Amino acid sequence: MILMTTLERRDDWLFFDLKPGTNTAQSFLHFIQLAARNGRIPPGSFVVWDNARIHDGNEIVDDVDGILAQCGALRVNLPTYSPEFNVCELVFAEIK
């Protein structure tokens, strides 16, 4: 599962993509493209980028930054080992 949440009080606070198999950098890029096409990355957004392996693919960083720039959003990198700063981790904890 790839998951995007928002801190804003909205009816559409959760956006996710379920797929079989392991997530990759390319599947993450596809998810960002899908979120952008569906208007889920509004202008002024900050996309929190944790240290998940799917975010490590240097080949997608420029593509993701380009998509975010078109949406009027910015990527924010979390420090290593800081899941408490990532809202998605709270959602995953509830799912587990």
PDB file of N, CA and C in Angstrom:
ATOM      1  N   MET A   1       0.845  -1.162   0.000  1.00  0.00           N
ATOM      2  CA  MET A   1       0.000   0.000   0.000  1.00  0.00           C
ATOM      3  C   MET A   1       0.898   1.236   0.000  1.00  0.00           C
ATOM      4  N   ILE A   2       0.534   2.196  -0.818  1.00  0.00           N
ATOM      5  CA  ILE A   2       1.159   3.515  -0.779  1.00  0.00           C
ATOM      6  C   ILE A   2       0.073   4.456  -0.298  1.00  0.00           C
ATOM      7  N   LEU A   3       0.412   5.320   0.645  1.00  0.00           N
ATOM      8  CA  LEU A   3      -0.581   6.102   1.359  1.00  0.00           C
ATOM      9  C   LEU A   3      -0.192   7.565   1.418  1.00  0.00           C
ATOM     10  N   MET A   4      -1.181   8.444   1.238  1.00  0.00           N
ATOM     11  CA  MET A   4      -0.978   9.879   1.389  1.00  0.00           C
ATOM     12  C   MET A   4      -2.101  10.384   2.292  1.00  0.00           C
ATOM     13  N   THR A   5      -1.757  11.149   3.310  1.00  0.00           N
ATOM     14  CA  THR A   5      -2.754  11.727   4.198  1.00  0.00           C
ATOM     15  C   THR A   5      -2.549  13.239   4.252  1.00  0.00           C
ATOM     16  N   THR A   6      -3.532  13.920   4.812  1.00  0.00           N
ATOM     17  CA  THR A   6      -3.429  15.360   4.985  1.00  0.00           C
ATOM     18  C   THR A   6      -3.738  15.720   6.429  1.00  0.00           C
ATOM     19  N   LEU A   7      -3.199  16.831   6.876  1.00  0.00           N
ATOM     20  CA  LEU A   7      -3.498  17.321   8.219  1.00  0.00           C
ATOM     21  C   LEU A   7      -4.712  18.246   8.208  1.00  0.00           C
ATOM     22  N   GLU A   8      -5.172  18.604   7.022  1.00  0.00           N
ATOM     23  CA  GLU A   8      -6.345  19.473   6.911  1.00  0.00           C
ATOM     24  C   GLU A   8      -7.605  18.696   7.240  1.00  0.00           C
ATOM     25  N   ARG A   9      -8.590  19.394   7.773  1.00  0.00           N
ATOM     26  CA  ARG A   9      -9.884  18.762   8.033  1.00  0.00           C
ATOM     27  C   ARG A   9     -10.675  18.763   6.737  1.00  0.00           C
ATOM     28  N   ARG A  10     -10.643  17.610   6.067  1.00  0.00           N
ATOM     29  CA  ARG A  10     -11.351  17.464   4.798  1.00  0.00           C
ATOM     30  C   ARG A  10     -11.968  16.086   4.753  1.00  0.00           C
ATOM     31  N   ASP A  11     -12.977  15.942   3.915  1.00  0.00           N
ATOM     32  CA  ASP A  11     -13.592  14.625   3.737  1.00  0.00           C
ATOM     33  C   ASP A  11     -12.662  13.666   3.005  1.00  0.00           C
ATOM     34  N   ASP A  12     -11.765  14.219   2.196  1.00  0.00           N
ATOM     35  CA  ASP A  12     -10.864  13.379   1.397  1.00  0.00           C
ATOM     36  C   ASP A  12      -9.441  13.393   1.959  1.00  0.00           C
ATOM     37  N   TRP A  13      -9.316  13.189   3.259  1.00  0.00           N
ATOM     38  CA  TRP A  13      -8.026  13.302   3.942  1.00  0.00           C
ATOM     39  C   TRP A  13      -7.089  12.137   3.657  1.00  0.00           C
ATOM     40  N   LEU A  14      -7.593  11.071   3.059  1.00  0.00           N
ATOM     41  CA  LEU A  14      -6.787   9.870   2.829  1.00  0.00           C
ATOM     42  C   LEU A  14      -6.814   9.510   1.347  1.00  0.00           C
ATOM     43  N   PHE A  15      -5.650   9.227   0.797  1.00  0.00           N
ATOM     44  CA  PHE A  15      -5.531   8.787  -0.594  1.00  0.00           C
ATOM     45  C   PHE A  15      -4.534   7.645  -0.605  1.00  0.00           C
ATOM     46  N   PHE A  16      -4.900   6.529  -1.218  1.00  0.00           N
ATOM     47  CA  PHE A  16      -3.998   5.377  -1.203  1.00  0.00           C
ATOM     48  C   PHE A  16      -4.129   4.579  -2.485  1.00  0.00           C
ATOM     49  N   ASP A  17      -3.149   3.715  -2.689  1.00  0.00           N
ATOM     50  CA  ASP A  17      -3.124   2.819  -3.836  1.00  0.00           C
ATOM     51  C   ASP A  17      -2.718   1.447  -3.333  1.00  0.00           C
ATOM     52  N   LEU A  18      -3.579   0.469  -3.546  1.00  0.00           N
ATOM     53  CA  LEU A  18      -3.274  -0.915  -3.182  1.00  0.00           C
ATOM     54  C   LEU A  18      -2.819  -1.649  -4.430  1.00  0.00           C
ATOM     55  N   LYS A  19      -1.739  -2.378  -4.292  1.00  0.00           N
ATOM     56  CA  LYS A  19      -1.266  -3.163  -5.417  1.00  0.00           C
ATOM     57  C   LYS A  19      -0.577  -4.410  -4.883  1.00  0.00           C
ATOM     58  N   PRO A  20      -0.603  -5.476  -5.650  1.00  0.00           N
ATOM     59  CA  PRO A  20       0.099  -6.684  -5.204  1.00  0.00           C
ATOM     60  C   PRO A  20       1.603  -6.508  -5.343  1.00  0.00           C
ATOM     61  N   GLY A  21       2.338  -7.227  -4.542  1.00  0.00           N
ATOM     62  CA  GLY A  21       3.794  -7.195  -4.657  1.00  0.00           C
ATOM     63  C   GLY A  21       4.425  -6.077  -3.845  1.00  0.00           C
ATOM     64  N   THR A  22       5.684  -5.893  -4.081  1.00  0.00           N
ATOM     65  CA  THR A  22       6.488  -4.927  -3.338  1.00  0.00           C
ATOM     66  C   THR A  22       6.433  -3.564  -4.009  1.00  0.00           C
ATOM     67  N   ASN A  23       6.388  -2.514  -3.194  1.00  0.00           N
ATOM     68  CA  ASN A  23       6.452  -1.165  -3.740  1.00  0.00           C
ATOM     69  C   ASN A  23       7.877  -0.861  -4.183  1.00  0.00           C
ATOM     70  N   THR A  24       7.978  -0.126  -5.272  1.00  0.00           N
ATOM     71  CA  THR A  24       9.277   0.269  -5.815  1.00  0.00           C
ATOM     72  C   THR A  24       9.289   1.778  -6.006  1.00  0.00           C
ATOM     73  N   ALA A  25      10.443   2.304  -6.367  1.00  0.00           N
ATOM     74  CA  ALA A  25      10.541   3.732  -6.667  1.00  0.00           C
ATOM     75  C   ALA A  25       9.600   4.080  -7.815  1.00  0.00           C
ATOM     76  N   GLN A  26       9.501   3.210  -8.806  1.00  0.00           N
ATOM     77  CA  GLN A  26       8.620   3.473  -9.942  1.00  0.00           C
ATOM     78  C   GLN A  26       7.142   3.448  -9.538  1.00  0.00           C
ATOM     79  N   SER A  27       6.780   2.539  -8.628  1.00  0.00           N
ATOM     80  CA  SER A  27       5.374   2.519  -8.182  1.00  0.00           C
ATOM     81  C   SER A  27       5.066   3.766  -7.348  1.00  0.00           C
ATOM     82  N   PHE A  28       6.047   4.260  -6.612  1.00  0.00           N
ATOM     83  CA  PHE A  28       5.853   5.496  -5.859  1.00  0.00           C
ATOM     84  C   PHE A  28       5.682   6.679  -6.816  1.00  0.00           C
ATOM     85  N   LEU A  29       6.492   6.739  -7.857  1.00  0.00           N
ATOM     86  CA  LEU A  29       6.363   7.792  -8.856  1.00  0.00           C
ATOM     87  C   LEU A  29       4.973   7.739  -9.505  1.00  0.00           C
ATOM     88  N   HIS A  30       4.516   6.541  -9.841  1.00  0.00           N
ATOM     89  CA  HIS A  30       3.178   6.379 -10.413  1.00  0.00           C
ATOM     90  C   HIS A  30       2.117   6.899  -9.444  1.00  0.00           C
ATOM     91  N   PHE A  31       2.272   6.618  -8.160  1.00  0.00           N
ATOM     92  CA  PHE A  31       1.326   7.084  -7.148  1.00  0.00           C
ATOM     93  C   PHE A  31       1.283   8.610  -7.093  1.00  0.00           C
ATOM     94  N   ILE A  32       2.444   9.246  -7.134  1.00  0.00           N
ATOM     95  CA  ILE A  32       2.502  10.714  -7.114  1.00  0.00           C
ATOM     96  C   ILE A  32       1.817  11.275  -8.365  1.00  0.00           C
ATOM     97  N   GLN A  33       2.047  10.643  -9.509  1.00  0.00           N
ATOM     98  CA  GLN A  33       1.383  11.073 -10.745  1.00  0.00           C
ATOM     99  C   GLN A  33      -0.135  10.942 -10.618  1.00  0.00           C
ATOM    100  N   LEU A  34      -0.589   9.828 -10.060  1.00  0.00           N
ATOM    101  CA  LEU A  34      -2.015   9.588  -9.859  1.00  0.00           C
ATOM    102  C   LEU A  34      -2.614  10.611  -8.898  1.00  0.00           C
ATOM    103  N   ALA A  35      -1.923  10.879  -7.811  1.00  0.00           N
ATOM    104  CA  ALA A  35      -2.401  11.866  -6.835  1.00  0.00           C
ATOM    105  C   ALA A  35      -2.506  13.248  -7.470  1.00  0.00           C
ATOM    106  N   ALA A  36      -1.517  13.613  -8.271  1.00  0.00           N
ATOM    107  CA  ALA A  36      -1.533  14.918  -8.940  1.00  0.00           C
ATOM    108  C   ALA A  36      -2.695  15.003  -9.927  1.00  0.00           C
ATOM    109  N   ARG A  37      -2.888  13.950 -10.714  1.00  0.00           N
ATOM    110  CA  ARG A  37      -3.989  13.941 -11.696  1.00  0.00           C
ATOM    111  C   ARG A  37      -5.348  14.035 -11.027  1.00  0.00           C
ATOM    112  N   ASN A  38      -5.463  13.496  -9.823  1.00  0.00           N
ATOM    113  CA  ASN A  38      -6.733  13.500  -9.097  1.00  0.00           C
ATOM    114  C   ASN A  38      -6.891  14.712  -8.179  1.00  0.00           C
ATOM    115  N   GLY A  39      -5.991  15.683  -8.292  1.00  0.00           N
ATOM    116  CA  GLY A  39      -6.098  16.895  -7.489  1.00  0.00           C
ATOM    117  C   GLY A  39      -5.848  16.694  -6.014  1.00  0.00           C
ATOM    118  N   ARG A  40      -5.087  15.658  -5.658  1.00  0.00           N
ATOM    119  CA  ARG A  40      -4.848  15.344  -4.246  1.00  0.00           C
ATOM    120  C   ARG A  40      -3.604  16.019  -3.696  1.00  0.00           C
ATOM    121  N   ILE A  41      -2.929  16.819  -4.506  1.00  0.00           N
ATOM    122  CA  ILE A  41      -1.762  17.575  -4.045  1.00  0.00           C
ATOM    123  C   ILE A  41      -2.056  19.048  -4.324  1.00  0.00           C
ATOM    124  N   PRO A  42      -2.802  19.695  -3.422  1.00  0.00           N
ATOM    125  CA  PRO A  42      -3.195  21.077  -3.672  1.00  0.00           C
ATOM    126  C   PRO A  42      -2.014  22.042  -3.547  1.00  0.00           C
ATOM    127  N   PRO A  43      -2.125  23.222  -4.188  1.00  0.00           N
ATOM    128  CA  PRO A  43      -1.063  24.230  -4.065  1.00  0.00           C
ATOM    129  C   PRO A  43      -0.792  24.549  -2.595  1.00  0.00           C
ATOM    130  N   GLY A  44       0.471  24.739  -2.282  1.00  0.00           N
ATOM    131  CA  GLY A  44       0.875  25.041  -0.910  1.00  0.00           C
ATOM    132  C   GLY A  44       1.118  23.818  -0.048  1.00  0.00           C
ATOM    133  N   SER A  45       0.955  22.623  -0.627  1.00  0.00           N
ATOM    134  CA  SER A  45       1.161  21.386   0.137  1.00  0.00           C
ATOM    135  C   SER A  45       2.648  21.111   0.348  1.00  0.00           C
ATOM    136  N   PHE A  46       2.921  20.385   1.419  1.00  0.00           N
ATOM    137  CA  PHE A  46       4.251  19.853   1.694  1.00  0.00           C
ATOM    138  C   PHE A  46       4.116  18.342   1.694  1.00  0.00           C
ATOM    139  N   VAL A  47       4.843  17.684   0.820  1.00  0.00           N
ATOM    140  CA  VAL A  47       4.823  16.232   0.764  1.00  0.00           C
ATOM    141  C   VAL A  47       5.990  15.727   1.607  1.00  0.00           C
ATOM    142  N   VAL A  48       5.652  15.034   2.684  1.00  0.00           N
ATOM    143  CA  VAL A  48       6.663  14.538   3.619  1.00  0.00           C
ATOM    144  C   VAL A  48       7.287  13.287   3.030  1.00  0.00           C
ATOM    145  N   TRP A  49       8.588  13.309   2.892  1.00  0.00           N
ATOM    146  CA  TRP A  49       9.357  12.242   2.252  1.00  0.00           C
ATOM    147  C   TRP A  49      10.174  11.578   3.340  1.00  0.00           C
ATOM    148  N   ASP A  50       9.768  10.377   3.749  1.00  0.00           N
ATOM    149  CA  ASP A  50      10.527   9.684   4.788  1.00  0.00           C
ATOM    150  C   ASP A  50      11.659   8.883   4.157  1.00  0.00           C
ATOM    151  N   ASN A  51      12.255   8.013   4.908  1.00  0.00           N
ATOM    152  CA  ASN A  51      13.430   7.286   4.444  1.00  0.00           C
ATOM    153  C   ASN A  51      13.099   5.887   3.943  1.00  0.00           C
ATOM    154  N   ALA A  52      11.879   5.703   3.468  1.00  0.00           N
ATOM    155  CA  ALA A  52      11.489   4.415   2.904  1.00  0.00           C
ATOM    156  C   ALA A  52      12.330   4.116   1.662  1.00  0.00           C
ATOM    157  N   ARG A  53      12.573   2.851   1.421  1.00  0.00           N
ATOM    158  CA  ARG A  53      13.393   2.461   0.270  1.00  0.00           C
ATOM    159  C   ARG A  53      12.834   2.967  -1.053  1.00  0.00           C
ATOM    160  N   ILE A  54      11.508   3.026  -1.157  1.00  0.00           N
ATOM    161  CA  ILE A  54      10.927   3.470  -2.424  1.00  0.00           C
ATOM    162  C   ILE A  54      11.210   4.944  -2.700  1.00  0.00           C
ATOM    163  N   HIS A  55      11.633   5.686  -1.686  1.00  0.00           N
ATOM    164  CA  HIS A  55      11.983   7.092  -1.881  1.00  0.00           C
ATOM    165  C   HIS A  55      13.456   7.266  -2.211  1.00  0.00           C
ATOM    166  N   ASP A  56      14.217   6.194  -2.101  1.00  0.00           N
ATOM    167  CA  ASP A  56      15.662   6.275  -2.324  1.00  0.00           C
ATOM    168  C   ASP A  56      16.060   6.269  -3.790  1.00  0.00           C
ATOM    169  N   GLY A  57      15.140   5.920  -4.661  1.00  0.00           N
ATOM    170  CA  GLY A  57      15.488   5.810  -6.074  1.00  0.00           C
ATOM    171  C   GLY A  57      15.827   7.168  -6.667  1.00  0.00           C
ATOM    172  N   ASN A  58      17.107   7.464  -6.775  1.00  0.00           N
ATOM    173  CA  ASN A  58      17.528   8.765  -7.288  1.00  0.00           C
ATOM    174  C   ASN A  58      16.961   9.069  -8.660  1.00  0.00           C
ATOM    175  N   GLU A  59      16.598   8.010  -9.392  1.00  0.00           N
ATOM    176  CA  GLU A  59      16.078   8.230 -10.736  1.00  0.00           C
ATOM    177  C   GLU A  59      14.698   8.883 -10.731  1.00  0.00           C
ATOM    178  N   ILE A  60      13.988   8.864  -9.585  1.00  0.00           N
ATOM    179  CA  ILE A  60      12.647   9.448  -9.560  1.00  0.00           C
ATOM    180  C   ILE A  60      12.588  10.803  -8.875  1.00  0.00           C
ATOM    181  N   VAL A  61      13.636  11.187  -8.154  1.00  0.00           N
ATOM    182  CA  VAL A  61      13.586  12.422  -7.351  1.00  0.00           C
ATOM    183  C   VAL A  61      13.261  13.627  -8.215  1.00  0.00           C
ATOM    184  N   ASP A  62      13.946  13.790  -9.340  1.00  0.00           N
ATOM    185  CA  ASP A  62      13.682  14.937 -10.209  1.00  0.00           C
ATOM    186  C   ASP A  62      12.268  14.894 -10.781  1.00  0.00           C
ATOM    187  N   ASP A  63      11.800  13.697 -11.137  1.00  0.00           N
ATOM    188  CA  ASP A  63      10.441  13.572 -11.667  1.00  0.00           C
ATOM    189  C   ASP A  63       9.399  13.945 -10.610  1.00  0.00           C
ATOM    190  N   VAL A  64       9.586  13.446  -9.392  1.00  0.00           N
ATOM    191  CA  VAL A  64       8.652  13.772  -8.308  1.00  0.00           C
ATOM    192  C   VAL A  64       8.682  15.269  -8.018  1.00  0.00           C
ATOM    193  N   ASP A  65       9.874  15.841  -7.924  1.00  0.00           N
ATOM    194  CA  ASP A  65       9.974  17.282  -7.667  1.00  0.00           C
ATOM    195  C   ASP A  65       9.304  18.094  -8.770  1.00  0.00           C
ATOM    196  N   GLY A  66       9.416  17.639 -10.017  1.00  0.00           N
ATOM    197  CA  GLY A  66       8.766  18.321 -11.134  1.00  0.00           C
ATOM    198  C   GLY A  66       7.250  18.277 -11.020  1.00  0.00           C
ATOM    199  N   ILE A  67       6.722  17.123 -10.660  1.00  0.00           N
ATOM    200  CA  ILE A  67       5.272  16.976 -10.489  1.00  0.00           C
ATOM    201  C   ILE A  67       4.791  17.864  -9.350  1.00  0.00           C
ATOM    202  N   LEU A  68       5.524  17.843  -8.244  1.00  0.00           N
ATOM    203  CA  LEU A  68       5.135  18.664  -7.098  1.00  0.00           C
ATOM    204  C   LEU A  68       5.184  20.149  -7.442  1.00  0.00           C
ATOM    205  N   ALA A  69       6.202  20.552  -8.179  1.00  0.00           N
ATOM    206  CA  ALA A  69       6.313  21.958  -8.589  1.00  0.00           C
ATOM    207  C   ALA A  69       5.117  22.360  -9.450  1.00  0.00           C
ATOM    208  N   GLN A  70       4.690  21.486 -10.357  1.00  0.00           N
ATOM    209  CA  GLN A  70       3.518  21.777 -11.189  1.00  0.00           C
ATOM    210  C   GLN A  70       2.259  21.919 -10.344  1.00  0.00           C
ATOM    211  N   CYS A  71       2.204  21.197  -9.229  1.00  0.00           N
ATOM    212  CA  CYS A  71       1.054  21.276  -8.326  1.00  0.00           C
ATOM    213  C   CYS A  71       1.158  22.473  -7.379  1.00  0.00           C
ATOM    214  N   GLY A  72       2.330  23.080  -7.313  1.00  0.00           N
ATOM    215  CA  GLY A  72       2.548  24.167  -6.349  1.00  0.00           C
ATOM    216  C   GLY A  72       2.881  23.647  -4.968  1.00  0.00           C
ATOM    217  N   ALA A  73       3.476  22.454  -4.911  1.00  0.00           N
ATOM    218  CA  ALA A  73       3.817  21.799  -3.643  1.00  0.00           C
ATOM    219  C   ALA A  73       5.327  21.625  -3.536  1.00  0.00           C
ATOM    220  N   LEU A  74       5.778  21.323  -2.338  1.00  0.00           N
ATOM    221  CA  LEU A  74       7.195  21.089  -2.075  1.00  0.00           C
ATOM    222  C   LEU A  74       7.389  19.767  -1.358  1.00  0.00           C
ATOM    223  N   ARG A  75       8.533  19.147  -1.582  1.00  0.00           N
ATOM    224  CA  ARG A  75       8.926  17.929  -0.871  1.00  0.00           C
ATOM    225  C   ARG A  75       9.729  18.323   0.360  1.00  0.00           C
ATOM    226  N   VAL A  76       9.437  17.686   1.490  1.00  0.00           N
ATOM    227  CA  VAL A  76      10.164  17.911   2.734  1.00  0.00           C
ATOM    228  C   VAL A  76      10.752  16.575   3.177  1.00  0.00           C
ATOM    229  N   ASN A  77      12.059  16.496   3.326  1.00  0.00           N
ATOM    230  CA  ASN A  77      12.715  15.258   3.760  1.00  0.00           C
ATOM    231  C   ASN A  77      12.740  15.170   5.280  1.00  0.00           C
ATOM    232  N   LEU A  78      12.341  14.012   5.797  1.00  0.00           N
ATOM    233  CA  LEU A  78      12.422  13.772   7.234  1.00  0.00           C
ATOM    234  C   LEU A  78      13.818  13.298   7.604  1.00  0.00           C
ATOM    235  N   PRO A  79      14.254  13.608   8.818  1.00  0.00           N
ATOM    236  CA  PRO A  79      15.522  13.040   9.283  1.00  0.00           C
ATOM    237  C   PRO A  79      15.404  11.518   9.408  1.00  0.00           C
ATOM    238  N   THR A  80      16.516  10.841   9.353  1.00  0.00           N
ATOM    239  CA  THR A  80      16.544   9.390   9.511  1.00  0.00           C
ATOM    240  C   THR A  80      15.971   9.000  10.872  1.00  0.00           C
ATOM    241  N   TYR A  81      15.234   7.888  10.897  1.00  0.00           N
ATOM    242  CA  TYR A  81      14.650   7.330  12.119  1.00  0.00           C
ATOM    243  C   TYR A  81      13.766   8.340  12.848  1.00  0.00           C
ATOM    244  N   SER A  82      12.820   8.926  12.134  1.00  0.00           N
ATOM    245  CA  SER A  82      11.915   9.885  12.769  1.00  0.00           C
ATOM    246  C   SER A  82      10.461   9.637  12.351  1.00  0.00           C
ATOM    247  N   PRO A  83       9.956   8.413  12.557  1.00  0.00           N
ATOM    248  CA  PRO A  83       8.581   8.123  12.138  1.00  0.00           C
ATOM    249  C   PRO A  83       7.539   8.963  12.876  1.00  0.00           C
ATOM    250  N   GLU A  84       7.896   9.479  14.042  1.00  0.00           N
ATOM    251  CA  GLU A  84       6.933  10.289  14.804  1.00  0.00           C
ATOM    252  C   GLU A  84       6.572  11.590  14.092  1.00  0.00           C
ATOM    253  N   PHE A  85       7.364  11.993  13.109  1.00  0.00           N
ATOM    254  CA  PHE A  85       7.067  13.206  12.336  1.00  0.00           C
ATOM    255  C   PHE A  85       6.226  12.914  11.096  1.00  0.00           C
ATOM    256  N   ASN A  86       5.975  11.654  10.815  1.00  0.00           N
ATOM    257  CA  ASN A  86       5.281  11.266   9.594  1.00  0.00           C
ATOM    258  C   ASN A  86       3.848  10.853   9.922  1.00  0.00           C
ATOM    259  N   VAL A  87       2.880  11.649   9.485  1.00  0.00           N
ATOM    260  CA  VAL A  87       1.476  11.390   9.763  1.00  0.00           C
ATOM    261  C   VAL A  87       1.039  10.021   9.249  1.00  0.00           C
ATOM    262  N   CYS A  88       1.584   9.589   8.123  1.00  0.00           N
ATOM    263  CA  CYS A  88       1.211   8.277   7.570  1.00  0.00           C
ATOM    264  C   CYS A  88       1.522   7.151   8.538  1.00  0.00           C
ATOM    265  N   GLU A  89       2.556   7.301   9.338  1.00  0.00           N
ATOM    266  CA  GLU A  89       2.902   6.249  10.299  1.00  0.00           C
ATOM    267  C   GLU A  89       1.795   6.068  11.333  1.00  0.00           C
ATOM    268  N   LEU A  90       1.099   7.150  11.681  1.00  0.00           N
ATOM    269  CA  LEU A  90      -0.026   7.044  12.612  1.00  0.00           C
ATOM    270  C   LEU A  90      -1.158   6.242  11.996  1.00  0.00           C
ATOM    271  N   VAL A  91      -1.396   6.444  10.712  1.00  0.00           N
ATOM    272  CA  VAL A  91      -2.437   5.700  10.014  1.00  0.00           C
ATOM    273  C   VAL A  91      -2.053   4.223   9.931  1.00  0.00           C
ATOM    274  N   PHE A  92      -0.790   3.944   9.559  1.00  0.00           N
ATOM    275  CA  PHE A  92      -0.328   2.557   9.491  1.00  0.00           C
ATOM    276  C   PHE A  92      -0.433   1.871  10.849  1.00  0.00           C
ATOM    277  N   ALA A  93      -0.152   2.589  11.927  1.00  0.00           N
ATOM    278  CA  ALA A  93      -0.254   2.007  13.262  1.00  0.00           C
ATOM    279  C   ALA A  93      -1.688   1.582  13.563  1.00  0.00           C
ATOM    280  N   GLU A  94      -2.671   2.379  13.132  1.00  0.00           N
ATOM    281  CA  GLU A  94      -4.069   2.025  13.337  1.00  0.00           C
ATOM    282  C   GLU A  94      -4.471   0.834  12.491  1.00  0.00           C
ATOM    283  N   ILE A  95      -3.952   0.763  11.275  1.00  0.00           N
ATOM    284  CA  ILE A  95      -4.284  -0.353  10.388  1.00  0.00           C
ATOM    285  C   ILE A  95      -3.745  -1.663  10.956  1.00  0.00           C
ATOM    286  N   LYS A  96      -2.520  -1.608  11.475  1.00  0.00           N
ATOM    287  CA  LYS A  96      -1.893  -2.812  12.040  1.00  0.00           C
ATOM    288  C   LYS A  96      -2.657  -3.267  13.257  1.00  0.00           C
TER     289      LYS A  96
END
